[in-house]
Amino acid sequence: MPYQGATLVEHVVDVVRQRCAPVFVIAAPGQYLPAVNAEVLRDDVRGVGPLVATGRGLRAAAEAGSQWAFVCAVDMPFIDAALIDMLVDSAENLTADVVLPWDGRDHYLAGLYRVSLMERVNALVAAGDRSMSALNCDERWPDAHQREFARGFGIARHLISSAVVIRK
């Protein structure tokens, strides 16, 4: 999709590269991608959802030596480096494994994840889950508590982990 003289994926990769390295783009098998300044990884099967792609990206980030990963969708034209800075600054003061922006709802595909979450992703996928919300749910932290925390600090806190990724 064209955006300001480039494609959205090129734009998002350029923004994320301002703060993250390495950058991975997870794409469906055979899906066209323009040349991007990132390592392109392919899903094994088309249409399996963002949870599988996130797990693949977290694994790649862990193998690259990262402890955290910024995970986002590539169809976010207004994403900027300030969001990544805010999430990283917040993560430094929390024990959370996932740090998400909050504007009245969680934004699972614009968050900071500990790479150690890849094992939880694998277990969820093996159980048939494909949704990012499955990764970000934990009975130890009821939704009301997370939302109250989010209002006070501008982020939502979860007890899950993930890593550095850009997914399509």
Foldseek 3Di string as FASTA:
>chain_A
DDDPRRDLLQQVLVQCVVPDPAEEEEEEVPDDDDDHNHHYHYDPHPPLADLSVQLVFLVVQVVVVDQKAFFAESPDNPDHNVLVVLQVVVVVVDPFQKKAADDPDGDLRGIMFGSVLSVVSVVCVVVPDRDSVVQQDDPVQDPVNQVVVCVVRRIGGGRGGGHHYYYD
